[in-house]
Every structure is written in structure tokens, then in C-alpha cells.
Amino acid sequence: MSILPVSSRYAALFTALLLAPGALQAQDDTAVAQRVEQLLATTPLIDGHNDLPWVIRLRANQSVVDYDLRQPTSGHTDLERLRAGGVGAQFWSVYIPCNAVEEGAAKVQLEQIAIAKELYRRYPEAFGEALTASDIEREFGQGRIASLMGMEGGHAIENSLGALRAFYDAGVRYMTLTHSCNTDWADSGTALPLHDGLSAFGEEVVREMNRMGMLVDLSHTSPATMHNALDIVEAPVIFSHSSARGVTDHPRNVPDDVLERMPENGGVVMVTFVPGFINQAVADWNGPDEEAPRATLADVADHIDHIKRVAGAAHVGIGGDYDGIGTVPVGLEDVSTYPALLEELARRGWTDAELRGLMGENVLRVMREAEAAARRLQRTRAPSTATIEALDGGQQGG
């Protein structure tokens, strides 16, 4: 029998260790992590929905100073974790609850906008205000998180197209037509239907949003409202934080027959991380909280995969809903964890081009198309002065 020289024996041992299953897995994991790191360095990861302004309102009495993002926070979001997560752009939700109409919805909405704008002023090294797709690319190129505002719930406009335009002028770039309640002109997915979708005034709201260039956000709406809006829009829509009803049967998710319309419309469904929306066992749980099943990162990936299969990879994005949820999926504990989700999808066979689309390029395309539609519509259409009384005959729901 031949005896290998010492150097050859070490080489053989090294090769054997390298080929061991654990070593190969470590190599694969390292390669995937490096691939995702490169993607995050070159493509802005755009999240469609983070409720940080509402957390600041509740936990710090609206004080951006007191809720210091330079320190670890009690919520899901701070500067260190945003950097670790590779966040390139964020739609900050300037949410107000349905009952805000009792104290003046516009007042509360303006206060939420003020909180978001104060975030930009207090952390100029981290956040840069963005109003357009080009602004996002500029801020990302300068190493800041491009920051946009999205209104959550059409009740904030108090049935006024003038108020809608004023919020757009203040920097709001999307509005969800409803929240958990119906508006006087649109049906929510989690309330008894009143309008079978959109009323005549609701359709006028959508048309005016298209004319301005404000993204029509169909999260929280009923399927009838989704279809009604898709029938009349003149620009792509978004779902800022929804998942797939074909995976988890929950009224906050998007049915397959709506997903099938995304290629024609050009819109994007930004998958949310809310446990009850992404895991059927969690959605169905009625027992004690301490014994409840847990959703996981893999559940989110399943929803993303489903939307890719039904609508196409060009029509899916990310809308985590951090700081708007309590329990989070295992593996997606806060805003630092986006790379782990991208790595999971990479291991499932997603190409670099598909991952870049999911991360942000799909949303950038939607924004550019909405901006182009607005320029075209503004050449032929003046701001609408329609009223709900004139269009709906004064018949309003709660």
C-alpha cells in the first residue's frame, strides 16, 4: 500500500472536510449571503408599509425627540436595525384610526404627517424625503433611506377631493381607499358591504388620485372594491401590505382572481408579515395566546412564491407592516431581517433579476408609470370639484 506524503495527506483531509455535507451547506449559505449583500448594495429595498409614526404618537406623545431612533427602541424600527436590514426606501404609514373622524380626521392626519416629516429633519444622515421614483434612486445613491408617506384609510379625506389634493401636496404618495371600516364611498374587506365596491364618488376619488399621481392602494379593501378600482384605474395600483388569499384564507389578503389581473394593470402586491395573514393555523387559532402557533419566515416566502406563480415575478413586492403588528413571524423579528427573507428566496431558485424586482424595481416601475399617467391626464383634465352629495345623492354609509 502507498503512503501519501504529509502534505498530500493534509490536502486529502481538507478536501474530505470540504466535501462533507455540513461544509457544503456552509459554503452555499455564505455564497447566498454574499449574493444578497451585493443585491442590497445596488438595488433599493423598498418596504411598502411601516407604522413608526403611529408608534411615536402612542409611546412618545408624538415626540420624535423622545422616541430616539439612534438608540435601540422598544418597537421594530431604529437606525441600526434599518441599516442591518439594508432598507433603501420606506413608505412610512401616516395611519389614523377609523374613529379619528370623531375628533376631526384631517387634524389627526396632519399630525401624523408632521411626525413623519420631523423624522426626516431629525435624522438627515439617515432619511431623505422622496416624492418620485427618481428621488428614491437619488437618495439611495447618496446612502440615505428614501422616505415617502402613505395614508392608510380614505376616511382621512372626509369626503373632500380638495383635502385629497392637499394631502398629496403635503407629500403623501399613496392612499389606501379604506382601512378596517368602510368609508362613505368604498367597501372595506373587514366590514359589511355597503356599496358593492366603490360608489360613484369613490370612482371619482380613484380618478382624481390617478390625475395627481397618487398611488391607489387596495390593501384593506373588499374584493368588489379591488375589482371596481381595477376596472377604472388609468395607472397601476399597489397593495401596500397584503398577502395571498390562495395561501391563507383571510379577508385582508388578495384573491387569485385579483392577482390574475395584475399583469394587465401593471400593479404590485407588497407581501405583509402579519402572522394571521400568512399562516392558516394562526388565522384560525381561538385558544390562549401563550399556546398559539407561530408563523415563520418560510410562510412569507410561500406567499411571495404564490403571487409569483399567479401574477408573475414583476408584480410582487414587500410590505412588512413593522410597528403595526404585535407578534412577528419567527425569523422576521424586526427591520433588520429582510436579508434573511431574500436569502430564503434565493435558495428557492429566485434569480437576481427576480429578486431585484421584488426588492424595489417593481415598485419603481409602478411609480414611474403612475407619474407618466398623471402628466398625461393633467393635460386634458382639470382638478375635480365633484362632491359626494352630487354623485351619491347624499346616501352615505358609516
Protein backbone atom coordinates (compact mmCIF):
# COMPACT_ATOMS: atom_id res chain seq x y z
CA MET A 1 0.00 0.00 0.00
CA SER A 2 1.25 3.51 -0.84
CA ILE A 3 1.75 6.10 1.81
CA LEU A 4 0.87 9.70 0.92
CA PRO A 5 3.37 12.36 1.89
CA VAL A 6 2.36 14.55 4.81
CA SER A 7 1.38 17.48 2.59
CA SER A 8 -0.79 15.24 0.42
CA ARG A 9 -2.46 13.68 3.46
CA TYR A 10 -3.41 17.16 4.72
CA ALA A 11 -4.71 18.09 1.29
CA ALA A 12 -6.81 14.93 1.17
CA LEU A 13 -8.16 15.58 4.68
CA PHE A 14 -9.01 19.18 3.75
CA THR A 15 -10.82 18.02 0.63
CA ALA A 16 -12.80 15.45 2.61
CA LEU A 17 -13.85 18.03 5.16
CA LEU A 18 -14.78 20.48 2.39
CA LEU A 19 -16.97 17.89 0.74
CA ALA A 20 -18.75 16.97 3.96
CA PRO A 21 -22.47 17.92 3.85
CA GLY A 22 -22.11 20.49 6.61
CA ALA A 23 -19.19 22.20 4.93
CA LEU A 24 -21.00 22.30 1.61
CA GLN A 25 -24.06 23.83 3.29
CA ALA A 26 -21.88 26.46 4.95
CA GLN A 27 -20.32 27.26 1.59
CA ASP A 28 -23.76 27.56 0.00
CA ASP A 29 -25.06 29.77 2.82
CA THR A 30 -22.04 32.05 2.54
CA ALA A 31 -22.45 32.35 -1.21
CA VAL A 32 -26.17 33.14 -0.88
CA ALA A 33 -25.49 35.75 1.82
CA GLN A 34 -22.85 37.40 -0.35
CA ARG A 35 -25.21 37.41 -3.32
CA VAL A 36 -27.95 39.09 -1.28
CA GLU A 37 -25.48 41.59 0.16
CA GLN A 38 -24.48 42.61 -3.36
CA LEU A 39 -28.11 42.98 -4.42
CA LEU A 40 -28.86 45.19 -1.40
CA ALA A 41 -25.85 47.37 -2.26
CA THR A 42 -27.07 48.01 -5.79
CA THR A 43 -30.88 47.92 -5.60
CA PRO A 44 -33.05 49.85 -3.13
CA LEU A 45 -35.11 47.54 -0.93
CA ILE A 46 -38.47 49.34 -0.78
CA ASP A 47 -40.87 48.42 2.02
CA GLY A 48 -44.47 49.49 1.43
CA HIS A 49 -45.68 49.94 4.99
CA ASN A 50 -44.15 50.76 8.38
CA ASP A 51 -46.25 52.27 11.18
CA LEU A 52 -43.42 54.00 13.06
CA PRO A 53 -45.21 57.40 13.11
CA TRP A 54 -48.17 55.84 14.95
CA VAL A 55 -45.86 54.17 17.47
CA ILE A 56 -44.24 57.55 18.12
CA ARG A 57 -47.69 59.05 18.66
CA LEU A 58 -48.71 56.38 21.17
CA ARG A 59 -45.46 55.73 23.03
CA ALA A 60 -43.85 59.17 22.98
CA ASN A 61 -46.83 61.55 22.82
CA GLN A 62 -45.89 62.47 19.22
CA SER A 63 -42.33 63.39 20.26
CA VAL A 64 -39.77 62.30 17.67
CA VAL A 65 -37.10 63.56 20.07
CA ASP A 66 -38.21 61.27 22.89
CA TYR A 67 -38.51 58.21 20.63
CA ASP A 68 -34.81 58.25 19.77
CA LEU A 69 -34.02 56.15 16.73
CA ARG A 70 -30.29 56.45 17.35
CA GLN A 71 -30.83 54.17 20.35
CA PRO A 72 -32.43 50.70 20.44
CA THR A 73 -36.19 51.20 20.55
CA SER A 74 -38.97 49.14 22.09
CA GLY A 75 -40.51 48.61 18.66
CA HIS A 76 -39.34 47.01 15.43
CA THR A 77 -37.53 50.02 13.97
CA ASP A 78 -34.41 52.06 14.74
CA LEU A 79 -31.49 53.33 12.69
CA GLU A 80 -29.10 50.48 13.47
CA ARG A 81 -31.64 47.82 12.54
CA LEU A 82 -32.69 49.67 9.38
CA ARG A 83 -29.06 49.68 8.26
CA ALA A 84 -28.64 46.00 9.12
CA GLY A 85 -31.75 45.22 7.09
CA GLY A 86 -30.45 47.01 4.03
CA VAL A 87 -33.57 49.18 3.77
CA GLY A 88 -33.20 51.52 0.81
CA ALA A 89 -36.64 53.18 0.80
CA GLN A 90 -39.60 53.18 3.15
CA PHE A 91 -43.21 54.22 2.78
CA TRP A 92 -43.94 55.46 6.30
CA SER A 93 -47.61 54.90 7.06
CA VAL A 94 -49.32 58.05 8.33
CA TYR A 95 -52.18 55.95 9.65
CA ILE A 96 -55.18 57.28 11.56
CA PRO A 97 -57.89 55.01 13.03
CA CYS A 98 -61.45 55.00 11.75
CA ASN A 99 -62.72 56.69 14.91
CA ALA A 100 -60.47 59.71 14.24
CA VAL A 101 -63.40 61.18 12.33
CA GLU A 102 -64.98 61.88 15.72
CA GLU A 103 -62.26 64.38 16.64
CA GLY A 104 -61.55 65.57 13.13
CA ALA A 105 -59.82 63.14 10.79
CA ALA A 106 -57.95 65.83 8.86
CA LYS A 107 -56.45 67.21 12.08
CA VAL A 108 -55.16 63.81 13.19
CA GLN A 109 -53.92 63.10 9.66
CA LEU A 110 -51.93 66.33 9.59
CA GLU A 111 -50.40 65.48 12.96
CA GLN A 112 -49.23 62.13 11.58
CA ILE A 113 -47.73 63.82 8.53
CA ALA A 114 -45.93 66.23 10.87
CA ILE A 115 -44.41 63.30 12.79
CA ALA A 116 -43.12 61.72 9.58
CA LYS A 117 -41.62 64.98 8.34
CA GLU A 118 -39.95 65.56 11.70
CA LEU A 119 -38.27 62.16 11.32
CA TYR A 120 -36.63 63.39 8.12
CA ARG A 121 -35.47 66.61 9.79
CA ARG A 122 -34.14 64.95 12.93
CA TYR A 123 -32.17 62.24 11.12
CA PRO A 124 -30.88 63.86 7.91
CA GLU A 125 -27.96 61.46 7.78
CA ALA A 126 -30.37 58.53 7.60
CA PHE A 127 -33.56 59.72 5.86
CA GLY A 128 -34.12 61.74 2.70
CA GLU A 129 -37.61 62.79 1.67
CA ALA A 130 -38.70 61.33 -1.68
CA LEU A 131 -41.70 62.17 -3.82
CA THR A 132 -40.87 60.38 -7.08
CA ALA A 133 -39.14 57.26 -8.35
CA SER A 134 -36.15 59.38 -9.34
CA ASP A 135 -36.00 60.79 -5.80
CA ILE A 136 -35.77 57.25 -4.42
CA GLU A 137 -32.84 56.46 -6.68
CA ARG A 138 -31.11 59.73 -5.77
CA GLU A 139 -31.45 59.22 -2.02
CA PHE A 140 -30.39 55.59 -2.26
CA GLY A 141 -27.34 56.64 -4.26
CA GLN A 142 -26.42 59.09 -1.51
CA GLY A 143 -26.65 56.40 1.17
CA ARG A 144 -29.91 57.57 2.76
CA ILE A 145 -33.20 55.75 3.18
CA ALA A 146 -35.59 57.36 0.72
CA SER A 147 -38.65 58.26 2.79
CA LEU A 148 -42.20 58.55 1.48
CA MET A 149 -45.59 58.80 3.15
CA GLY A 150 -48.64 56.61 2.61
CA MET A 151 -52.07 57.41 4.06
CA GLU A 152 -53.90 54.40 5.45
CA GLY A 153 -57.63 54.87 5.07
CA GLY A 154 -59.72 57.09 2.83
CA HIS A 155 -61.75 58.29 5.82
CA ALA A 156 -58.94 60.83 6.33
CA ILE A 157 -60.09 62.98 3.40
CA GLU A 158 -63.56 63.45 4.97
CA ASN A 159 -65.24 63.07 1.55
CA SER A 160 -63.32 66.03 0.11
CA LEU A 161 -61.31 65.93 -3.11
CA GLY A 162 -59.78 69.24 -2.09
CA ALA A 163 -58.46 67.63 1.09
CA LEU A 164 -57.13 64.72 -1.01
CA ARG A 165 -55.16 67.18 -3.15
CA ALA A 166 -53.86 68.99 -0.08
CA PHE A 167 -52.52 65.74 1.36
CA TYR A 168 -50.79 64.99 -1.94
CA ASP A 169 -49.23 68.46 -1.88
CA ALA A 170 -48.03 67.70 1.68
CA GLY A 171 -46.08 64.74 0.32
CA VAL A 172 -48.44 61.75 0.57
CA ARG A 173 -47.82 59.37 -2.32
CA TYR A 174 -50.36 56.60 -1.75
CA MET A 175 -53.72 56.25 -0.03
CA THR A 176 -55.44 53.02 0.96
CA LEU A 177 -59.06 53.54 -0.07
CA THR A 178 -60.32 52.04 3.21
CA HIS A 179 -59.00 50.75 6.49
CA SER A 180 -60.88 48.22 8.65
CA CYS A 181 -64.07 50.26 8.27
CA ASN A 182 -65.99 51.24 5.16
CA THR A 183 -65.73 54.80 4.01
CA ASP A 184 -68.79 56.66 2.77
CA TRP A 185 -67.71 55.70 -0.75
CA ALA A 186 -65.79 52.38 -0.60
CA ASP A 187 -66.17 48.94 0.99
CA SER A 188 -63.54 47.53 3.33
CA GLY A 189 -62.61 43.87 3.32
CA THR A 190 -63.37 43.61 7.04
CA ALA A 191 -66.78 45.32 7.28
CA LEU A 192 -70.26 44.53 5.99
CA PRO A 193 -70.53 45.79 2.39
CA LEU A 194 -72.47 48.95 1.74
CA HIS A 195 -71.56 49.97 -1.81
CA ASP A 196 -70.77 46.75 -3.69
CA GLY A 197 -67.29 48.17 -4.19
CA LEU A 198 -66.99 51.87 -4.95
CA SER A 199 -69.79 54.41 -5.06
CA ALA A 200 -69.86 56.99 -7.86
CA PHE A 201 -67.92 59.37 -5.62
CA GLY A 202 -65.46 56.58 -4.81
CA GLU A 203 -64.77 56.15 -8.51
CA GLU A 204 -64.15 59.90 -8.73
CA VAL A 205 -61.65 59.64 -5.84
CA VAL A 206 -59.74 56.99 -7.79
CA ARG A 207 -59.78 59.09 -10.97
CA GLU A 208 -58.50 62.14 -9.07
CA MET A 209 -55.73 60.09 -7.48
CA ASN A 210 -54.64 58.98 -10.95
CA ARG A 211 -54.76 62.57 -12.22
CA MET A 212 -52.49 63.73 -9.39
CA GLY A 213 -50.13 60.76 -9.48
CA MET A 214 -51.07 59.39 -6.05
CA LEU A 215 -50.85 55.59 -5.99
CA VAL A 216 -54.16 53.79 -5.46
CA ASP A 217 -53.58 51.34 -2.60
CA LEU A 218 -56.07 48.47 -2.45
CA SER A 219 -54.91 46.86 0.80
CA HIS A 220 -57.77 46.64 3.31
CA THR A 221 -60.42 46.84 0.57
CA SER A 222 -63.04 44.24 -0.31
CA PRO A 223 -62.67 42.10 -3.44
CA ALA A 224 -65.53 44.06 -5.00
CA THR A 225 -63.67 47.31 -4.36
CA MET A 226 -60.47 45.79 -5.77
CA HIS A 227 -62.20 44.75 -8.99
CA ASN A 228 -64.15 48.01 -9.25
CA ALA A 229 -60.95 50.04 -8.93
CA LEU A 230 -59.11 47.85 -11.45
CA ASP A 231 -61.95 48.40 -13.91
CA ILE A 232 -61.49 52.19 -13.92
CA VAL A 233 -57.87 53.00 -12.98
CA GLU A 234 -55.62 54.67 -15.52
CA ALA A 235 -52.37 53.73 -13.77
CA PRO A 236 -51.01 50.68 -11.91
CA VAL A 237 -52.27 50.03 -8.38
CA ILE A 238 -50.44 48.77 -5.32
CA PHE A 239 -51.34 46.66 -2.34
CA SER A 240 -49.01 48.21 0.24
CA HIS A 241 -49.31 45.40 2.80
CA SER A 242 -51.36 42.34 1.81
CA SER A 243 -50.68 38.68 1.17
CA ALA A 244 -52.28 35.90 -0.91
CA ARG A 245 -55.72 34.51 -0.08
CA GLY A 246 -54.88 31.42 -2.09
CA VAL A 247 -52.36 30.53 0.64
CA THR A 248 -54.11 31.90 3.74
CA ASP A 249 -57.87 32.46 3.65
CA HIS A 250 -58.10 35.84 5.36
CA PRO A 251 -60.18 38.86 4.21
CA ARG A 252 -57.09 41.07 4.28
CA ASN A 253 -55.46 39.01 1.54
CA VAL A 254 -55.72 39.26 -2.23
CA PRO A 255 -57.81 36.62 -4.06
CA ASP A 256 -56.32 34.82 -7.04
CA ASP A 257 -58.82 36.37 -9.47
CA VAL A 258 -57.42 39.78 -8.49
CA LEU A 259 -53.82 38.56 -8.72
CA GLU A 260 -54.58 37.36 -12.24
CA ARG A 261 -55.42 40.96 -13.21
CA MET A 262 -52.07 42.37 -12.08
CA PRO A 263 -50.18 41.78 -15.35
CA GLU A 264 -52.76 43.76 -17.37
CA ASN A 265 -52.83 46.55 -14.80
CA GLY A 266 -49.10 46.52 -14.05
CA GLY A 267 -49.61 46.70 -10.30
CA VAL A 268 -47.68 45.23 -7.38
CA VAL A 269 -48.80 43.26 -4.31
CA MET A 270 -46.41 44.01 -1.43
CA VAL A 271 -46.50 40.97 0.83
CA THR A 272 -47.04 41.64 4.51
CA PHE A 273 -45.63 39.78 7.51
CA VAL A 274 -48.74 39.85 9.75
CA PRO A 275 -48.87 36.32 11.26
CA GLY A 276 -52.63 35.87 10.91
CA PHE A 277 -52.46 36.84 7.24
CA ILE A 278 -49.67 34.43 6.30
CA ASN A 279 -50.34 31.26 8.30
CA GLN A 280 -53.71 29.48 8.30
CA ALA A 281 -53.21 27.87 11.71
CA VAL A 282 -52.56 31.31 13.21
CA ALA A 283 -55.57 32.78 11.39
CA ASP A 284 -57.83 30.01 12.73
CA TRP A 285 -56.48 29.96 16.31
CA ASN A 286 -59.02 30.55 19.09
CA GLY A 287 -57.07 29.32 22.09
CA PRO A 288 -54.86 31.06 24.65
CA ASP A 289 -52.15 33.34 23.24
CA GLU A 290 -49.33 31.51 25.01
CA GLU A 291 -50.21 28.29 23.16
CA ALA A 292 -50.81 29.87 19.75
CA PRO A 293 -48.97 28.55 16.70
CA ARG A 294 -46.27 30.77 15.22
CA ALA A 295 -45.89 32.00 11.69
CA THR A 296 -42.42 31.87 10.16
CA LEU A 297 -40.26 33.46 7.52
CA ALA A 298 -40.99 30.44 5.31
CA ASP A 299 -44.70 31.34 5.38
CA VAL A 300 -43.91 34.77 3.95
CA ALA A 301 -41.77 33.17 1.26
CA ASP A 302 -44.69 30.86 0.40
CA HIS A 303 -46.94 33.88 -0.21
CA ILE A 304 -44.31 35.56 -2.35
CA ASP A 305 -43.87 32.36 -4.36
CA HIS A 306 -47.66 32.06 -4.82
CA ILE A 307 -48.01 35.60 -6.13
CA LYS A 308 -45.10 34.98 -8.48
CA ARG A 309 -46.84 31.89 -9.85
CA VAL A 310 -50.24 33.55 -10.29
CA ALA A 311 -49.36 37.15 -11.21
CA GLY A 312 -45.69 36.93 -12.16
CA ALA A 313 -42.46 37.99 -10.52
CA ALA A 314 -42.91 41.53 -11.88
CA HIS A 315 -45.97 42.05 -9.66
CA VAL A 316 -44.75 41.26 -6.15
CA GLY A 317 -43.01 43.37 -3.51
CA ILE A 318 -42.53 43.66 0.26
CA GLY A 319 -44.74 45.50 2.78
CA GLY A 320 -43.80 44.19 6.20
CA ASP A 321 -46.16 46.28 8.42
CA TYR A 322 -43.48 46.55 11.10
CA ASP A 323 -44.54 48.59 14.15
CA GLY A 324 -48.12 47.95 13.08
CA ILE A 325 -48.18 44.38 14.39
CA GLY A 326 -47.55 42.74 17.75
CA THR A 327 -46.36 39.18 17.26
CA VAL A 328 -43.97 38.77 14.34
CA PRO A 329 -43.01 35.69 12.31
CA VAL A 330 -40.10 33.62 13.54
CA GLY A 331 -37.09 34.78 11.53
CA LEU A 332 -38.58 38.20 10.72
CA GLU A 333 -38.42 39.80 14.13
CA ASP A 334 -37.74 43.40 13.02
CA VAL A 335 -36.48 45.58 10.17
CA SER A 336 -33.01 44.03 10.34
CA THR A 337 -34.24 40.71 8.92
CA TYR A 338 -35.03 41.46 5.26
CA PRO A 339 -31.75 39.81 4.11
CA ALA A 340 -32.86 36.51 5.65
CA LEU A 341 -36.05 36.59 3.56
CA LEU A 342 -34.12 37.34 0.38
CA GLU A 343 -31.68 34.52 1.16
CA GLU A 344 -34.59 32.08 1.58
CA LEU A 345 -35.98 33.07 -1.82
CA ALA A 346 -32.53 32.79 -3.39
CA ARG A 347 -32.28 29.24 -2.07
CA ARG A 348 -35.71 28.56 -3.62
CA GLY A 349 -34.36 29.44 -7.04
CA TRP A 350 -35.19 33.12 -7.47
CA THR A 351 -32.90 34.78 -9.99
CA ASP A 352 -31.08 38.04 -9.34
CA ALA A 353 -33.43 39.85 -11.72
CA GLU A 354 -36.49 38.49 -9.90
CA LEU A 355 -35.04 39.43 -6.51
CA ARG A 356 -34.26 42.96 -7.69
CA GLY A 357 -37.85 43.30 -8.86
CA LEU A 358 -39.21 42.07 -5.54
CA MET A 359 -36.88 44.32 -3.58
CA GLY A 360 -37.82 47.54 -5.32
CA GLU A 361 -37.62 47.65 -9.09
CA ASN A 362 -41.25 46.56 -9.47
CA VAL A 363 -42.43 49.43 -7.28
CA LEU A 364 -40.16 51.91 -9.08
CA ARG A 365 -41.76 50.85 -12.36
CA VAL A 366 -45.26 51.35 -10.90
CA MET A 367 -44.32 54.81 -9.65
CA ARG A 368 -42.87 55.87 -13.00
CA GLU A 369 -45.97 54.67 -14.81
CA ALA A 370 -48.25 56.49 -12.35
CA GLU A 371 -46.18 59.66 -12.75
CA ALA A 372 -46.39 59.39 -16.56
CA ALA A 373 -50.16 58.81 -16.39
CA ALA A 374 -50.55 61.90 -14.21
CA ARG A 375 -48.64 64.08 -16.68
CA ARG A 376 -50.84 62.81 -19.50
CA LEU A 377 -54.11 63.23 -17.59
CA GLN A 378 -53.26 66.71 -16.35
CA ARG A 379 -53.00 67.93 -19.95
CA THR A 380 -56.70 67.22 -20.52
CA ARG A 381 -58.35 67.10 -17.09
CA ALA A 382 -58.74 69.85 -14.50
CA PRO A 383 -58.88 69.07 -10.76
CA SER A 384 -62.24 67.55 -9.95
CA THR A 385 -64.71 69.63 -7.94
CA ALA A 386 -67.24 66.80 -7.60
CA THR A 387 -68.91 66.24 -4.24
CA ILE A 388 -70.28 63.12 -2.62
CA GLU A 389 -73.67 64.79 -2.34
CA ALA A 390 -73.82 65.42 -6.08
CA LEU A 391 -72.56 61.99 -7.14
CA ASP A 392 -74.09 59.74 -4.49
CA GLY A 393 -77.24 61.68 -3.74
CA GLY A 394 -76.31 62.17 -0.11
CA GLN A 395 -76.58 58.44 0.63
CA GLN A 396 -73.62 57.71 2.89
CA GLY A 397 -72.58 54.75 4.99
CA GLY A 398 -70.51 54.50 8.17
